[in-house]
Amino acid sequence: ATNVAIDSMLQKGAYVAIASHDDPVINHALNSLMKYDMGPRKSDPRDNSGPKLNGKGNGYEFQFLLGVRGDKRRKLAEEGHLTRIYLPYGSRWYEYSMRRLRENPEIATHVAKAFFLPWTNKR
């Protein structure tokens, strides 16, 4: 479903925020971006894309939860892709975080690693 959504948004000219820690989704997104001739240091070539907004990438960006997949985020950033770090906050941050952990228990491994081995997830 995620891959279909990415492809549909790219086709329709939408700004695509690729918020996944899963390699298959990230790899699919990278392949889809190549099909549209999109990537680092390239203008958005899609005729139907909207105007470039300040702080936004050229039609897409990758988003990662703080403390999760820092290695992948750094690699994408080094390649020139715009990346953002997502940090839950506010009065309901705990409920949100617990729901996310229930939905994807693998996140707990990344968070624990970032907490106990912080040097492995440096900016």
PDB file of N, CA and C in Angstrom:
ATOM      1  N   ALA A   1       0.820  -1.196   0.000  1.00  0.00           N
ATOM      2  CA  ALA A   1       0.000   0.000   0.000  1.00  0.00           C
ATOM      3  C   ALA A   1       0.865   1.261   0.000  1.00  0.00           C
ATOM      4  N   THR A   2       1.951   1.238   0.775  1.00  0.00           N
ATOM      5  CA  THR A   2       2.822   2.416   0.837  1.00  0.00           C
ATOM      6  C   THR A   2       3.463   2.688  -0.513  1.00  0.00           C
ATOM      7  N   ASN A   3       3.950   1.644  -1.169  1.00  0.00           N
ATOM      8  CA  ASN A   3       4.591   1.827  -2.472  1.00  0.00           C
ATOM      9  C   ASN A   3       3.610   2.370  -3.503  1.00  0.00           C
ATOM     10  N   VAL A   4       2.386   1.879  -3.472  1.00  0.00           N
ATOM     11  CA  VAL A   4       1.356   2.364  -4.396  1.00  0.00           C
ATOM     12  C   VAL A   4       1.076   3.841  -4.126  1.00  0.00           C
ATOM     13  N   ALA A   5       1.021   4.220  -2.846  1.00  0.00           N
ATOM     14  CA  ALA A   5       0.771   5.620  -2.492  1.00  0.00           C
ATOM     15  C   ALA A   5       1.909   6.517  -2.976  1.00  0.00           C
ATOM     16  N   ILE A   6       3.145   6.074  -2.801  1.00  0.00           N
ATOM     17  CA  ILE A   6       4.297   6.855  -3.269  1.00  0.00           C
ATOM     18  C   ILE A   6       4.204   7.063  -4.773  1.00  0.00           C
ATOM     19  N   ASP A   7       3.961   5.986  -5.509  1.00  0.00           N
ATOM     20  CA  ASP A   7       3.871   6.081  -6.973  1.00  0.00           C
ATOM     21  C   ASP A   7       2.729   6.992  -7.409  1.00  0.00           C
ATOM     22  N   SER A   8       1.589   6.872  -6.749  1.00  0.00           N
ATOM     23  CA  SER A   8       0.429   7.688  -7.097  1.00  0.00           C
ATOM     24  C   SER A   8       0.713   9.169  -6.855  1.00  0.00           C
ATOM     25  N   MET A   9       1.337   9.475  -5.734  1.00  0.00           N
ATOM     26  CA  MET A   9       1.646  10.873  -5.422  1.00  0.00           C
ATOM     27  C   MET A   9       2.676  11.447  -6.394  1.00  0.00           C
ATOM     28  N   LEU A  10       3.672  10.648  -6.745  1.00  0.00           N
ATOM     29  CA  LEU A  10       4.660  11.114  -7.723  1.00  0.00           C
ATOM     30  C   LEU A  10       3.997  11.387  -9.066  1.00  0.00           C
ATOM     31  N   GLN A  11       3.121  10.469  -9.479  1.00  0.00           N
ATOM     32  CA  GLN A  11       2.439  10.613 -10.766  1.00  0.00           C
ATOM     33  C   GLN A  11       1.560  11.862 -10.793  1.00  0.00           C
ATOM     34  N   LYS A  12       0.938  12.177  -9.662  1.00  0.00           N
ATOM     35  CA  LYS A  12       0.009  13.312  -9.615  1.00  0.00           C
ATOM     36  C   LYS A  12       0.703  14.645  -9.346  1.00  0.00           C
ATOM     37  N   GLY A  13       2.026  14.632  -9.210  1.00  0.00           N
ATOM     38  CA  GLY A  13       2.760  15.883  -9.022  1.00  0.00           C
ATOM     39  C   GLY A  13       2.805  16.380  -7.594  1.00  0.00           C
ATOM     40  N   ALA A  14       2.406  15.536  -6.646  1.00  0.00           N
ATOM     41  CA  ALA A  14       2.384  15.946  -5.241  1.00  0.00           C
ATOM     42  C   ALA A  14       3.793  15.992  -4.656  1.00  0.00           C
ATOM     43  N   TYR A  15       3.942  16.780  -3.608  1.00  0.00           N
ATOM     44  CA  TYR A  15       5.174  16.753  -2.828  1.00  0.00           C
ATOM     45  C   TYR A  15       5.099  15.499  -1.965  1.00  0.00           C
ATOM     46  N   VAL A  16       6.099  14.633  -2.039  1.00  0.00           N
ATOM     47  CA  VAL A  16       6.035  13.328  -1.389  1.00  0.00           C
ATOM     48  C   VAL A  16       6.973  13.298  -0.186  1.00  0.00           C
ATOM     49  N   ALA A  17       6.403  13.106   0.986  1.00  0.00           N
ATOM     50  CA  ALA A  17       7.177  12.918   2.207  1.00  0.00           C
ATOM     51  C   ALA A  17       7.249  11.414   2.459  1.00  0.00           C
ATOM     52  N   ILE A  18       8.418  10.843   2.254  1.00  0.00           N
ATOM     53  CA  ILE A  18       8.603   9.399   2.380  1.00  0.00           C
ATOM     54  C   ILE A  18       9.037   9.127   3.814  1.00  0.00           C
ATOM     55  N   ALA A  19       8.075   8.749   4.647  1.00  0.00           N
ATOM     56  CA  ALA A  19       8.311   8.564   6.077  1.00  0.00           C
ATOM     57  C   ALA A  19       8.284   7.076   6.391  1.00  0.00           C
ATOM     58  N   SER A  20       9.409   6.425   6.191  1.00  0.00           N
ATOM     59  CA  SER A  20       9.501   4.988   6.442  1.00  0.00           C
ATOM     60  C   SER A  20      10.913   4.646   6.877  1.00  0.00           C
ATOM     61  N   HIS A  21      11.003   3.650   7.737  1.00  0.00           N
ATOM     62  CA  HIS A  21      12.308   3.146   8.157  1.00  0.00           C
ATOM     63  C   HIS A  21      12.612   1.814   7.481  1.00  0.00           C
ATOM     64  N   ASP A  22      11.701   1.349   6.649  1.00  0.00           N
ATOM     65  CA  ASP A  22      11.819   0.036   6.025  1.00  0.00           C
ATOM     66  C   ASP A  22      12.591   0.118   4.715  1.00  0.00           C
ATOM     67  N   ASP A  23      13.649  -0.682   4.610  1.00  0.00           N
ATOM     68  CA  ASP A  23      14.473  -0.673   3.401  1.00  0.00           C
ATOM     69  C   ASP A  23      13.682  -0.948   2.126  1.00  0.00           C
ATOM     70  N   PRO A  24      12.753  -1.922   2.114  1.00  0.00           N
ATOM     71  CA  PRO A  24      12.014  -2.154   0.861  1.00  0.00           C
ATOM     72  C   PRO A  24      11.236  -0.914   0.399  1.00  0.00           C
ATOM     73  N   VAL A  25      10.652  -0.171   1.323  1.00  0.00           N
ATOM     74  CA  VAL A  25       9.906   1.039   0.955  1.00  0.00           C
ATOM     75  C   VAL A  25      10.867   2.123   0.477  1.00  0.00           C
ATOM     76  N   ILE A  26      11.965   2.315   1.195  1.00  0.00           N
ATOM     77  CA  ILE A  26      12.951   3.330   0.804  1.00  0.00           C
ATOM     78  C   ILE A  26      13.533   2.995  -0.567  1.00  0.00           C
ATOM     79  N   ASN A  27      13.869   1.730  -0.788  1.00  0.00           N
ATOM     80  CA  ASN A  27      14.424   1.326  -2.087  1.00  0.00           C
ATOM     81  C   ASN A  27      13.412   1.515  -3.211  1.00  0.00           C
ATOM     82  N   HIS A  28      12.150   1.182  -2.939  1.00  0.00           N
ATOM     83  CA  HIS A  28      11.105   1.400  -3.946  1.00  0.00           C
ATOM     84  C   HIS A  28      10.991   2.890  -4.263  1.00  0.00           C
ATOM     85  N   ALA A  29      11.010   3.718  -3.227  1.00  0.00           N
ATOM     86  CA  ALA A  29      10.913   5.164  -3.435  1.00  0.00           C
ATOM     87  C   ALA A  29      12.081   5.667  -4.279  1.00  0.00           C
ATOM     88  N   LEU A  30      13.282   5.207  -3.984  1.00  0.00           N
ATOM     89  CA  LEU A  30      14.454   5.632  -4.760  1.00  0.00           C
ATOM     90  C   LEU A  30      14.326   5.214  -6.222  1.00  0.00           C
ATOM     91  N   ASN A  31      13.845   3.994  -6.457  1.00  0.00           N
ATOM     92  CA  ASN A  31      13.644   3.528  -7.838  1.00  0.00           C
ATOM     93  C   ASN A  31      12.565   4.348  -8.544  1.00  0.00           C
ATOM     94  N   SER A  32      11.492   4.662  -7.833  1.00  0.00           N
ATOM     95  CA  SER A  32      10.417   5.463  -8.426  1.00  0.00           C
ATOM     96  C   SER A  32      10.901   6.874  -8.731  1.00  0.00           C
ATOM     97  N   LEU A  33      11.703   7.443  -7.846  1.00  0.00           N
ATOM     98  CA  LEU A  33      12.253   8.777  -8.099  1.00  0.00           C
ATOM     99  C   LEU A  33      13.110   8.773  -9.357  1.00  0.00           C
ATOM    100  N   MET A  34      13.882   7.707  -9.544  1.00  0.00           N
ATOM    101  CA  MET A  34      14.719   7.609 -10.750  1.00  0.00           C
ATOM    102  C   MET A  34      13.856   7.563 -12.004  1.00  0.00           C
ATOM    103  N   LYS A  35      12.712   6.861 -11.943  1.00  0.00           N
ATOM    104  CA  LYS A  35      11.813   6.783 -13.103  1.00  0.00           C
ATOM    105  C   LYS A  35      11.312   8.164 -13.518  1.00  0.00           C
ATOM    106  N   TYR A  36      11.134   9.041 -12.529  1.00  0.00           N
ATOM    107  CA  TYR A  36      10.654  10.398 -12.809  1.00  0.00           C
ATOM    108  C   TYR A  36      11.807  11.382 -12.974  1.00  0.00           C
ATOM    109  N   ASP A  37      13.014  10.873 -13.056  1.00  0.00           N
ATOM    110  CA  ASP A  37      14.224  11.696 -13.190  1.00  0.00           C
ATOM    111  C   ASP A  37      14.331  12.709 -12.054  1.00  0.00           C
ATOM    112  N   MET A  38      14.004  12.237 -10.855  1.00  0.00           N
ATOM    113  CA  MET A  38      14.088  13.075  -9.663  1.00  0.00           C
ATOM    114  C   MET A  38      15.219  12.562  -8.788  1.00  0.00           C
ATOM    115  N   GLY A  39      15.831  13.454  -8.066  1.00  0.00           N
ATOM    116  CA  GLY A  39      16.903  13.053  -7.174  1.00  0.00           C
ATOM    117  C   GLY A  39      17.667  14.251  -6.668  1.00  0.00           C
ATOM    118  N   PRO A  40      18.757  13.983  -5.960  1.00  0.00           N
ATOM    119  CA  PRO A  40      19.557  15.062  -5.393  1.00  0.00           C
ATOM    120  C   PRO A  40      20.056  16.029  -6.463  1.00  0.00           C
ATOM    121  N   ARG A  41      20.018  17.293  -6.108  1.00  0.00           N
ATOM    122  CA  ARG A  41      20.547  18.367  -6.964  1.00  0.00           C
ATOM    123  C   ARG A  41      19.857  18.440  -8.327  1.00  0.00           C
ATOM    124  N   LYS A  42      18.623  17.951  -8.393  1.00  0.00           N
ATOM    125  CA  LYS A  42      17.841  18.027  -9.631  1.00  0.00           C
ATOM    126  C   LYS A  42      16.562  18.800  -9.353  1.00  0.00           C
ATOM    127  N   SER A  43      16.147  19.584 -10.301  1.00  0.00           N
ATOM    128  CA  SER A  43      14.851  20.247 -10.189  1.00  0.00           C
ATOM    129  C   SER A  43      13.758  19.212 -10.417  1.00  0.00           C
ATOM    130  N   ASP A  44      12.590  19.492  -9.877  1.00  0.00           N
ATOM    131  CA  ASP A  44      11.451  18.596 -10.072  1.00  0.00           C
ATOM    132  C   ASP A  44      11.004  18.712 -11.525  1.00  0.00           C
ATOM    133  N   PRO A  45      11.165  17.653 -12.327  1.00  0.00           N
ATOM    134  CA  PRO A  45      10.848  17.738 -13.756  1.00  0.00           C
ATOM    135  C   PRO A  45       9.371  17.539 -14.089  1.00  0.00           C
ATOM    136  N   ARG A  46       8.558  17.205 -13.105  1.00  0.00           N
ATOM    137  CA  ARG A  46       7.153  16.901 -13.379  1.00  0.00           C
ATOM    138  C   ARG A  46       6.396  18.179 -13.740  1.00  0.00           C
ATOM    139  N   ASP A  47       5.730  18.153 -14.870  1.00  0.00           N
ATOM    140  CA  ASP A  47       4.971  19.321 -15.334  1.00  0.00           C
ATOM    141  C   ASP A  47       3.831  19.676 -14.388  1.00  0.00           C
ATOM    142  N   ASN A  48       3.298  18.668 -13.707  1.00  0.00           N
ATOM    143  CA  ASN A  48       2.128  18.894 -12.864  1.00  0.00           C
ATOM    144  C   ASN A  48       2.489  19.162 -11.403  1.00  0.00           C
ATOM    145  N   SER A  49       3.776  19.357 -11.094  1.00  0.00           N
ATOM    146  CA  SER A  49       4.150  19.616  -9.700  1.00  0.00           C
ATOM    147  C   SER A  49       3.907  21.081  -9.364  1.00  0.00           C
ATOM    148  N   GLY A  50       3.659  21.329  -8.102  1.00  0.00           N
ATOM    149  CA  GLY A  50       3.400  22.696  -7.657  1.00  0.00           C
ATOM    150  C   GLY A  50       4.690  23.498  -7.531  1.00  0.00           C
ATOM    151  N   PRO A  51       4.568  24.745  -7.087  1.00  0.00           N
ATOM    152  CA  PRO A  51       5.755  25.589  -6.931  1.00  0.00           C
ATOM    153  C   PRO A  51       6.641  25.079  -5.798  1.00  0.00           C
ATOM    154  N   LYS A  52       7.936  25.299  -5.930  1.00  0.00           N
ATOM    155  CA  LYS A  52       8.871  24.891  -4.882  1.00  0.00           C
ATOM    156  C   LYS A  52       8.690  25.822  -3.688  1.00  0.00           C
ATOM    157  N   LEU A  53       8.522  25.240  -2.518  1.00  0.00           N
ATOM    158  CA  LEU A  53       8.308  26.016  -1.306  1.00  0.00           C
ATOM    159  C   LEU A  53       9.590  26.067  -0.486  1.00  0.00           C
ATOM    160  N   ASN A  54       9.787  27.158   0.235  1.00  0.00           N
ATOM    161  CA  ASN A  54      10.968  27.282   1.086  1.00  0.00           C
ATOM    162  C   ASN A  54      11.030  26.135   2.083  1.00  0.00           C
ATOM    163  N   GLY A  55      12.209  25.578   2.245  1.00  0.00           N
ATOM    164  CA  GLY A  55      12.400  24.496   3.199  1.00  0.00           C
ATOM    165  C   GLY A  55      12.012  23.131   2.674  1.00  0.00           C
ATOM    166  N   LYS A  56      11.470  23.083   1.488  1.00  0.00           N
ATOM    167  CA  LYS A  56      11.066  21.802   0.911  1.00  0.00           C
ATOM    168  C   LYS A  56      12.103  21.345  -0.096  1.00  0.00           C
ATOM    169  N   GLY A  57      12.140  20.056  -0.328  1.00  0.00           N
ATOM    170  CA  GLY A  57      13.041  19.505  -1.327  1.00  0.00           C
ATOM    171  C   GLY A  57      12.465  19.678  -2.723  1.00  0.00           C
ATOM    172  N   ASN A  58      13.125  19.100  -3.690  1.00  0.00           N
ATOM    173  CA  ASN A  58      12.680  19.182  -5.084  1.00  0.00           C
ATOM    174  C   ASN A  58      11.650  18.103  -5.378  1.00  0.00           C
ATOM    175  N   GLY A  59      10.502  18.210  -4.750  1.00  0.00           N
ATOM    176  CA  GLY A  59       9.401  17.295  -4.999  1.00  0.00           C
ATOM    177  C   GLY A  59       9.262  16.161  -4.006  1.00  0.00           C
ATOM    178  N   TYR A  60      10.239  15.993  -3.112  1.00  0.00           N
ATOM    179  CA  TYR A  60      10.170  14.886  -2.152  1.00  0.00           C
ATOM    180  C   TYR A  60      11.151  15.128  -1.010  1.00  0.00           C
ATOM    181  N   GLU A  61      10.970  14.360   0.041  1.00  0.00           N
ATOM    182  CA  GLU A  61      11.928  14.313   1.143  1.00  0.00           C
ATOM    183  C   GLU A  61      11.755  12.982   1.870  1.00  0.00           C
ATOM    184  N   PHE A  62      12.775  12.588   2.594  1.00  0.00           N
ATOM    185  CA  PHE A  62      12.712  11.398   3.442  1.00  0.00           C
ATOM    186  C   PHE A  62      12.591  11.851   4.892  1.00  0.00           C
ATOM    187  N   GLN A  63      11.749  11.172   5.670  1.00  0.00           N
ATOM    188  CA  GLN A  63      11.543  11.525   7.071  1.00  0.00           C
ATOM    189  C   GLN A  63      11.800  10.314   7.955  1.00  0.00           C
ATOM    190  N   PHE A  64      12.470  10.571   9.080  1.00  0.00           N
ATOM    191  CA  PHE A  64      12.820   9.505  10.016  1.00  0.00           C
ATOM    192  C   PHE A  64      12.481   9.922  11.437  1.00  0.00           C
ATOM    193  N   LEU A  65      11.993   8.979  12.214  1.00  0.00           N
ATOM    194  CA  LEU A  65      11.727   9.202  13.623  1.00  0.00           C
ATOM    195  C   LEU A  65      13.053   9.351  14.352  1.00  0.00           C
ATOM    196  N   LEU A  66      13.148  10.319  15.255  1.00  0.00           N
ATOM    197  CA  LEU A  66      14.377  10.562  16.007  1.00  0.00           C
ATOM    198  C   LEU A  66      14.864   9.271  16.662  1.00  0.00           C
ATOM    199  N   GLY A  67      16.129   8.941  16.434  1.00  0.00           N
ATOM    200  CA  GLY A  67      16.727   7.758  17.042  1.00  0.00           C
ATOM    201  C   GLY A  67      16.540   6.482  16.250  1.00  0.00           C
ATOM    202  N   VAL A  68      15.858   6.557  15.120  1.00  0.00           N
ATOM    203  CA  VAL A  68      15.581   5.357  14.333  1.00  0.00           C
ATOM    204  C   VAL A  68      16.248   5.479  12.962  1.00  0.00           C
ATOM    205  N   ARG A  69      17.060   4.501  12.624  1.00  0.00           N
ATOM    206  CA  ARG A  69      17.721   4.390  11.322  1.00  0.00           C
ATOM    207  C   ARG A  69      18.595   5.601  10.974  1.00  0.00           C
ATOM    208  N   GLY A  70      19.339   6.078  11.964  1.00  0.00           N
ATOM    209  CA  GLY A  70      20.251   7.186  11.715  1.00  0.00           C
ATOM    210  C   GLY A  70      21.255   6.866  10.625  1.00  0.00           C
ATOM    211  N   ASP A  71      21.660   5.595  10.540  1.00  0.00           N
ATOM    212  CA  ASP A  71      22.603   5.175   9.501  1.00  0.00           C
ATOM    213  C   ASP A  71      22.021   5.401   8.108  1.00  0.00           C
ATOM    214  N   LYS A  72      20.773   5.012   7.922  1.00  0.00           N
ATOM    215  CA  LYS A  72      20.114   5.169   6.621  1.00  0.00           C
ATOM    216  C   LYS A  72      19.868   6.646   6.321  1.00  0.00           C
ATOM    217  N   ARG A  73      19.439   7.402   7.338  1.00  0.00           N
ATOM    218  CA  ARG A  73      19.196   8.835   7.151  1.00  0.00           C
ATOM    219  C   ARG A  73      20.482   9.553   6.737  1.00  0.00           C
ATOM    220  N   ARG A  74      21.580   9.248   7.417  1.00  0.00           N
ATOM    221  CA  ARG A  74      22.860   9.878   7.073  1.00  0.00           C
ATOM    222  C   ARG A  74      23.291   9.524   5.656  1.00  0.00           C
ATOM    223  N   LYS A  75      23.115   8.263   5.276  1.00  0.00           N
ATOM    224  CA  LYS A  75      23.509   7.831   3.928  1.00  0.00           C
ATOM    225  C   LYS A  75      22.709   8.588   2.866  1.00  0.00           C
ATOM    226  N   LEU A  76      21.402   8.692   3.063  1.00  0.00           N
ATOM    227  CA  LEU A  76      20.563   9.426   2.106  1.00  0.00           C
ATOM    228  C   LEU A  76      20.960  10.902   2.054  1.00  0.00           C
ATOM    229  N   ALA A  77      21.230  11.486   3.215  1.00  0.00           N
ATOM    230  CA  ALA A  77      21.637  12.894   3.256  1.00  0.00           C
ATOM    231  C   ALA A  77      22.979  13.090   2.558  1.00  0.00           C
ATOM    232  N   GLU A  78      23.910  12.159   2.780  1.00  0.00           N
ATOM    233  CA  GLU A  78      25.215  12.249   2.117  1.00  0.00           C
ATOM    234  C   GLU A  78      25.075  12.156   0.600  1.00  0.00           C
ATOM    235  N   GLU A  79      24.067  11.408   0.144  1.00  0.00           N
ATOM    236  CA  GLU A  79      23.812  11.296  -1.296  1.00  0.00           C
ATOM    237  C   GLU A  79      23.137  12.551  -1.842  1.00  0.00           C
ATOM    238  N   GLY A  80      22.692  13.442  -0.956  1.00  0.00           N
ATOM    239  CA  GLY A  80      22.087  14.696  -1.383  1.00  0.00           C
ATOM    240  C   GLY A  80      20.581  14.784  -1.232  1.00  0.00           C
ATOM    241  N   HIS A  81      19.945  13.735  -0.721  1.00  0.00           N
ATOM    242  CA  HIS A  81      18.495  13.762  -0.520  1.00  0.00           C
ATOM    243  C   HIS A  81      18.167  14.608   0.708  1.00  0.00           C
ATOM    244  N   LEU A  82      17.077  15.375   0.641  1.00  0.00           N
ATOM    245  CA  LEU A  82      16.616  16.110   1.809  1.00  0.00           C
ATOM    246  C   LEU A  82      16.057  15.106   2.808  1.00  0.00           C
ATOM    247  N   THR A  83      16.524  15.185   4.047  1.00  0.00           N
ATOM    248  CA  THR A  83      16.015  14.308   5.100  1.00  0.00           C
ATOM    249  C   THR A  83      15.568  15.166   6.271  1.00  0.00           C
ATOM    250  N   ARG A  84      14.573  14.688   6.978  1.00  0.00           N
ATOM    251  CA  ARG A  84      14.079  15.369   8.176  1.00  0.00           C
ATOM    252  C   ARG A  84      13.990  14.362   9.311  1.00  0.00           C
ATOM    253  N   ILE A  85      14.142  14.884  10.514  1.00  0.00           N
ATOM    254  CA  ILE A  85      13.998  14.068  11.717  1.00  0.00           C
ATOM    255  C   ILE A  85      12.671  14.440  12.360  1.00  0.00           C
ATOM    256  N   TYR A  86      11.876  13.425  12.635  1.00  0.00           N
ATOM    257  CA  TYR A  86      10.559  13.607  13.227  1.00  0.00           C
ATOM    258  C   TYR A  86      10.664  13.360  14.721  1.00  0.00           C
ATOM    259  N   LEU A  87      10.176  14.308  15.521  1.00  0.00           N
ATOM    260  CA  LEU A  87      10.224  14.200  16.975  1.00  0.00           C
ATOM    261  C   LEU A  87       8.831  14.434  17.538  1.00  0.00           C
ATOM    262  N   PRO A  88       8.205  13.387  18.088  1.00  0.00           N
ATOM    263  CA  PRO A  88       6.888  13.582  18.695  1.00  0.00           C
ATOM    264  C   PRO A  88       7.013  14.465  19.940  1.00  0.00           C
ATOM    265  N   TYR A  89       6.097  15.404  20.103  1.00  0.00           N
ATOM    266  CA  TYR A  89       6.109  16.258  21.284  1.00  0.00           C
ATOM    267  C   TYR A  89       4.678  16.673  21.597  1.00  0.00           C
ATOM    268  N   GLY A  90       4.503  17.418  22.650  1.00  0.00           N
ATOM    269  CA  GLY A  90       3.183  17.884  23.039  1.00  0.00           C
ATOM    270  C   GLY A  90       2.614  17.026  24.151  1.00  0.00           C
ATOM    271  N   SER A  91       1.398  17.307  24.521  1.00  0.00           N
ATOM    272  CA  SER A  91       0.794  16.638  25.671  1.00  0.00           C
ATOM    273  C   SER A  91       0.485  15.165  25.414  1.00  0.00           C
ATOM    274  N   ARG A  92       0.421  14.742  24.154  1.00  0.00           N
ATOM    275  CA  ARG A  92       0.061  13.346  23.851  1.00  0.00           C
ATOM    276  C   ARG A  92       1.220  12.566  23.239  1.00  0.00           C
ATOM    277  N   TRP A  93       2.456  13.027  23.435  1.00  0.00           N
ATOM    278  CA  TRP A  93       3.613  12.370  22.827  1.00  0.00           C
ATOM    279  C   TRP A  93       3.737  10.927  23.294  1.00  0.00           C
ATOM    280  N   TYR A  94       3.447  10.669  24.573  1.00  0.00           N
ATOM    281  CA  TYR A  94       3.619   9.323  25.109  1.00  0.00           C
ATOM    282  C   TYR A  94       2.628   8.358  24.465  1.00  0.00           C
ATOM    283  N   GLU A  95       1.371   8.760  24.380  1.00  0.00           N
ATOM    284  CA  GLU A  95       0.348   7.906  23.765  1.00  0.00           C
ATOM    285  C   GLU A  95       0.699   7.610  22.309  1.00  0.00           C
ATOM    286  N   TYR A  96       1.136   8.640  21.599  1.00  0.00           N
ATOM    287  CA  TYR A  96       1.531   8.455  20.201  1.00  0.00           C
ATOM    288  C   TYR A  96       2.688   7.462  20.101  1.00  0.00           C
ATOM    289  N   SER A  97       3.696   7.652  20.942  1.00  0.00           N
ATOM    290  CA  SER A  97       4.879   6.785  20.892  1.00  0.00           C
ATOM    291  C   SER A  97       4.517   5.338  21.209  1.00  0.00           C
ATOM    292  N   MET A  98       3.666   5.121  22.188  1.00  0.00           N
ATOM    293  CA  MET A  98       3.261   3.754  22.536  1.00  0.00           C
ATOM    294  C   MET A  98       2.463   3.117  21.397  1.00  0.00           C
ATOM    295  N   ARG A  99       1.596   3.898  20.766  1.00  0.00           N
ATOM    296  CA  ARG A  99       0.833   3.368  19.628  1.00  0.00           C
ATOM    297  C   ARG A  99       1.776   2.959  18.507  1.00  0.00           C
ATOM    298  N   ARG A 100       2.771   3.792  18.219  1.00  0.00           N
ATOM    299  CA  ARG A 100       3.741   3.474  17.166  1.00  0.00           C
ATOM    300  C   ARG A 100       4.522   2.210  17.506  1.00  0.00           C
ATOM    301  N   LEU A 101       4.884   2.039  18.764  1.00  0.00           N
ATOM    302  CA  LEU A 101       5.610   0.832  19.174  1.00  0.00           C
ATOM    303  C   LEU A 101       4.742  -0.412  19.000  1.00  0.00           C
ATOM    304  N   ARG A 102       3.448  -0.290  19.312  1.00  0.00           N
ATOM    305  CA  ARG A 102       2.549  -1.436  19.114  1.00  0.00           C
ATOM    306  C   ARG A 102       2.408  -1.764  17.631  1.00  0.00           C
ATOM    307  N   GLU A 103       2.338  -0.734  16.792  1.00  0.00           N
ATOM    308  CA  GLU A 103       2.190  -0.944  15.353  1.00  0.00           C
ATOM    309  C   GLU A 103       3.442  -1.545  14.736  1.00  0.00           C
ATOM    310  N   ASN A 104       4.606  -1.150  15.239  1.00  0.00           N
ATOM    311  CA  ASN A 104       5.871  -1.606  14.663  1.00  0.00           C
ATOM    312  C   ASN A 104       6.876  -1.844  15.783  1.00  0.00           C
ATOM    313  N   PRO A 105       6.856  -3.040  16.388  1.00  0.00           N
ATOM    314  CA  PRO A 105       7.746  -3.331  17.516  1.00  0.00           C
ATOM    315  C   PRO A 105       9.230  -3.191  17.176  1.00  0.00           C
ATOM    316  N   GLU A 106       9.577  -3.265  15.897  1.00  0.00           N
ATOM    317  CA  GLU A 106      10.983  -3.126  15.508  1.00  0.00           C
ATOM    318  C   GLU A 106      11.535  -1.748  15.880  1.00  0.00           C
ATOM    319  N   ILE A 107      10.658  -0.756  15.974  1.00  0.00           N
ATOM    320  CA  ILE A 107      11.094   0.584  16.367  1.00  0.00           C
ATOM    321  C   ILE A 107      11.726   0.546  17.750  1.00  0.00           C
ATOM    322  N   ALA A 108      11.205  -0.308  18.638  1.00  0.00           N
ATOM    323  CA  ALA A 108      11.759  -0.401  19.995  1.00  0.00           C
ATOM    324  C   ALA A 108      13.233  -0.763  19.958  1.00  0.00           C
ATOM    325  N   THR A 109      13.626  -1.622  19.043  1.00  0.00           N
ATOM    326  CA  THR A 109      15.037  -1.991  18.904  1.00  0.00           C
ATOM    327  C   THR A 109      15.867  -0.775  18.539  1.00  0.00           C
ATOM    328  N   HIS A 110      15.393   0.014  17.595  1.00  0.00           N
ATOM    329  CA  HIS A 110      16.127   1.214  17.173  1.00  0.00           C
ATOM    330  C   HIS A 110      16.218   2.233  18.306  1.00  0.00           C
ATOM    331  N   VAL A 111      15.108   2.428  19.029  1.00  0.00           N
ATOM    332  CA  VAL A 111      15.095   3.396  20.125  1.00  0.00           C
ATOM    333  C   VAL A 111      16.028   2.944  21.242  1.00  0.00           C
ATOM    334  N   ALA A 112      15.976   1.654  21.595  1.00  0.00           N
ATOM    335  CA  ALA A 112      16.864   1.135  22.643  1.00  0.00           C
ATOM    336  C   ALA A 112      18.323   1.285  22.238  1.00  0.00           C
ATOM    337  N   LYS A 113      18.620   0.995  20.994  1.00  0.00           N
ATOM    338  CA  LYS A 113      19.993   1.139  20.506  1.00  0.00           C
ATOM    339  C   LYS A 113      20.434   2.595  20.587  1.00  0.00           C
ATOM    340  N   ALA A 114      19.563   3.513  20.200  1.00  0.00           N
ATOM    341  CA  ALA A 114      19.903   4.939  20.253  1.00  0.00           C
ATOM    342  C   ALA A 114      20.105   5.403  21.692  1.00  0.00           C
ATOM    343  N   PHE A 115      19.351   4.807  22.621  1.00  0.00           N
ATOM    344  CA  PHE A 115      19.452   5.195  24.027  1.00  0.00           C
ATOM    345  C   PHE A 115      20.707   4.620  24.678  1.00  0.00           C
ATOM    346  N   PHE A 116      20.953   3.326  24.472  1.00  0.00           N
ATOM    347  CA  PHE A 116      22.071   2.660  25.140  1.00  0.00           C
ATOM    348  C   PHE A 116      23.385   2.744  24.366  1.00  0.00           C
ATOM    349  N   LEU A 117      23.321   2.946  23.062  1.00  0.00           N
ATOM    350  CA  LEU A 117      24.522   3.060  22.220  1.00  0.00           C
ATOM    351  C   LEU A 117      24.418   4.323  21.360  1.00  0.00           C
ATOM    352  N   PRO A 118      24.346   5.499  21.988  1.00  0.00           N
ATOM    353  CA  PRO A 118      24.078   6.718  21.218  1.00  0.00           C
ATOM    354  C   PRO A 118      25.122   7.030  20.156  1.00  0.00           C
ATOM    355  N   TRP A 119      26.332   6.583  20.342  1.00  0.00           N
ATOM    356  CA  TRP A 119      27.376   6.870  19.354  1.00  0.00           C
ATOM    357  C   TRP A 119      27.127   6.168  18.026  1.00  0.00           C
ATOM    358  N   THR A 120      26.233   5.191  17.997  1.00  0.00           N
ATOM    359  CA  THR A 120      25.936   4.489  16.744  1.00  0.00           C
ATOM    360  C   THR A 120      24.902   5.237  15.904  1.00  0.00           C
ATOM    361  N   ASN A 121      24.303   6.279  16.455  1.00  0.00           N
ATOM    362  CA  ASN A 121      23.224   6.983  15.753  1.00  0.00           C
ATOM    363  C   ASN A 121      23.485   8.484  15.701  1.00  0.00           C
ATOM    364  N   LYS A 122      24.748   8.857  15.555  1.00  0.00           N
ATOM    365  CA  LYS A 122      25.100  10.280  15.523  1.00  0.00           C
ATOM    366  C   LYS A 122      24.531  10.944  14.286  1.00  0.00           C
ATOM    367  N   ARG A 123      24.386  12.256  14.372  1.00  0.00           N
ATOM    368  CA  ARG A 123      23.906  13.042  13.236  1.00  0.00           C
ATOM    369  C   ARG A 123      24.867  12.847  12.125  1.00  0.00           C
TER     370      ARG A 123
END
